[in-house]
Amino acid sequence: MQGLRRLGLPAEVAEVALTTYRLLFLLQDTAATIHASQQARLGGGSWRRRIRATGLLAAALLPRAMDRAHRLEVGLAARGFDGSLRTLSPMRPGSAAGLAAVAAVLIVVGGLGAWM
């Protein structure tokens, strides 16, 4: 998000994109769950059943998406949404010496664990 702001994208557009991105993955997970449930109930036998199951999946997904968006809107309003979501700035990469020290500690701990 910080990178998009540095490129000059307005904060509102970046936040809508971030929210849309998050909701897409939530909907994908919900669709996968519904599909697995349909397959468990033998919903994919013939071509006709698969088309019907896909239609039922889409029909079940739309109300869930609208409900999730409504809950997100209510949650933001309850928290006093002022037009910008606060996010952490990305961490800068560490130095090579710090990485080597962490790797050495992990090797020592792993060696002690294997020895005991």
Protein backbone atom coordinates (compact mmCIF):
# COMPACT_ATOMS: atom_id res chain seq x y z
CA MET A 1 0.00 0.00 0.00
CA GLN A 2 2.85 2.34 0.81
CA GLY A 3 4.39 1.59 -2.58
CA LEU A 4 1.16 2.54 -4.36
CA ARG A 5 1.04 5.81 -2.45
CA ARG A 6 4.65 6.57 -3.36
CA LEU A 7 3.78 6.08 -7.03
CA GLY A 8 1.20 8.85 -6.68
CA LEU A 9 -1.96 6.77 -6.54
CA PRO A 10 -4.59 8.49 -4.38
CA ALA A 11 -5.00 6.87 -0.97
CA GLU A 12 -8.71 6.19 -1.52
CA VAL A 13 -8.06 4.25 -4.73
CA ALA A 14 -5.30 2.25 -3.07
CA GLU A 15 -7.56 1.35 -0.14
CA VAL A 16 -10.42 0.29 -2.41
CA ALA A 17 -7.97 -1.88 -4.35
CA LEU A 18 -6.65 -3.41 -1.11
CA THR A 19 -10.16 -4.13 0.18
CA THR A 20 -11.21 -5.63 -3.16
CA TYR A 21 -8.08 -7.78 -3.21
CA ARG A 22 -8.83 -9.08 0.28
CA LEU A 23 -12.49 -9.77 -0.47
CA LEU A 24 -11.61 -11.65 -3.67
CA PHE A 25 -9.51 -14.13 -1.75
CA LEU A 26 -12.18 -14.50 0.92
CA LEU A 27 -14.75 -15.22 -1.80
CA GLN A 28 -12.40 -17.70 -3.44
CA ASP A 29 -12.05 -19.55 -0.14
CA THR A 30 -15.83 -19.53 0.35
CA ALA A 31 -16.40 -20.83 -3.18
CA ALA A 32 -13.87 -23.62 -2.61
CA THR A 33 -15.66 -24.60 0.60
CA ILE A 34 -19.06 -24.64 -1.10
CA HIS A 35 -17.64 -26.65 -4.02
CA ALA A 36 -16.10 -29.22 -1.65
CA SER A 37 -19.44 -29.51 0.12
CA GLN A 38 -21.22 -30.07 -3.19
CA GLN A 39 -18.71 -32.73 -4.21
CA ALA A 40 -19.18 -34.48 -0.88
CA ARG A 41 -22.91 -34.67 -1.65
CA LEU A 42 -22.18 -36.17 -5.10
CA GLY A 43 -22.95 -32.98 -7.01
CA GLY A 44 -20.55 -33.56 -9.90
CA GLY A 45 -21.71 -36.77 -11.54
CA SER A 46 -23.14 -35.84 -14.93
CA TRP A 47 -22.74 -32.74 -17.10
CA ARG A 48 -26.22 -31.54 -16.12
CA ARG A 49 -25.46 -31.92 -12.39
CA ARG A 50 -22.20 -30.00 -12.73
CA ILE A 51 -23.94 -27.08 -14.46
CA ARG A 52 -26.67 -27.06 -11.81
CA ALA A 53 -24.07 -27.25 -9.02
CA THR A 54 -22.17 -24.31 -10.52
CA GLY A 55 -25.36 -22.26 -10.67
CA LEU A 56 -26.17 -23.11 -7.07
CA LEU A 57 -22.62 -22.18 -6.05
CA ALA A 58 -22.95 -18.76 -7.70
CA ALA A 59 -26.38 -18.27 -6.14
CA ALA A 60 -25.01 -19.08 -2.69
CA LEU A 61 -21.88 -16.95 -3.14
CA LEU A 62 -23.60 -13.64 -3.98
CA PRO A 63 -25.54 -13.25 -0.70
CA ARG A 64 -22.47 -14.25 1.28
CA ALA A 65 -20.38 -11.64 -0.53
CA MET A 66 -22.97 -8.95 0.10
CA ASP A 67 -23.22 -9.94 3.78
CA ARG A 68 -19.45 -9.86 4.20
CA ALA A 69 -19.24 -6.43 2.55
CA HIS A 70 -22.04 -5.14 4.79
CA ARG A 71 -20.30 -6.48 7.91
CA LEU A 72 -17.06 -4.81 6.78
CA GLU A 73 -18.90 -1.51 6.30
CA VAL A 74 -20.58 -1.75 9.73
CA GLY A 75 -17.28 -2.67 11.37
CA LEU A 76 -15.49 0.30 9.83
CA ALA A 77 -18.31 2.63 10.88
CA ALA A 78 -18.18 1.27 14.44
CA ARG A 79 -14.45 1.97 14.60
CA GLY A 80 -14.92 5.56 13.46
CA PHE A 81 -13.55 5.17 9.94
CA ASP A 82 -12.15 8.54 8.92
CA GLY A 83 -11.32 7.78 5.31
CA SER A 84 -7.95 6.09 5.68
CA LEU A 85 -6.91 2.69 6.91
CA ARG A 86 -3.70 2.73 8.89
CA THR A 87 -1.18 0.14 7.74
CA LEU A 88 2.34 -0.67 8.78
CA SER A 89 5.11 0.37 6.46
CA PRO A 90 7.11 -2.51 4.99
CA MET A 91 10.21 -3.59 6.87
CA ARG A 92 13.59 -2.89 5.38
CA PRO A 93 15.80 -5.91 4.72
CA GLY A 94 18.40 -6.63 7.37
CA SER A 95 22.14 -6.69 6.91
CA ALA A 96 24.13 -9.72 5.76
CA ALA A 97 25.85 -9.90 9.16
CA GLY A 98 22.51 -10.03 10.98
CA LEU A 99 21.26 -12.75 8.64
CA ALA A 100 24.45 -14.77 9.19
CA ALA A 101 24.08 -14.42 12.97
CA VAL A 102 20.48 -15.66 12.90
CA ALA A 103 21.47 -18.59 10.64
CA ALA A 104 24.34 -19.50 13.01
CA VAL A 105 22.04 -19.47 16.03
CA LEU A 106 19.52 -21.67 14.21
CA ILE A 107 22.24 -24.13 13.21
CA VAL A 108 23.53 -24.32 16.81
CA VAL A 109 20.03 -24.82 18.22
CA GLY A 110 19.26 -27.45 15.57
CA GLY A 111 22.54 -29.23 16.28
CA LEU A 112 21.87 -29.25 20.02
CA GLY A 113 18.37 -30.57 19.42
CA ALA A 114 19.66 -33.38 17.21
CA TRP A 115 22.45 -34.23 19.67
CA MET A 116 20.04 -34.53 22.60
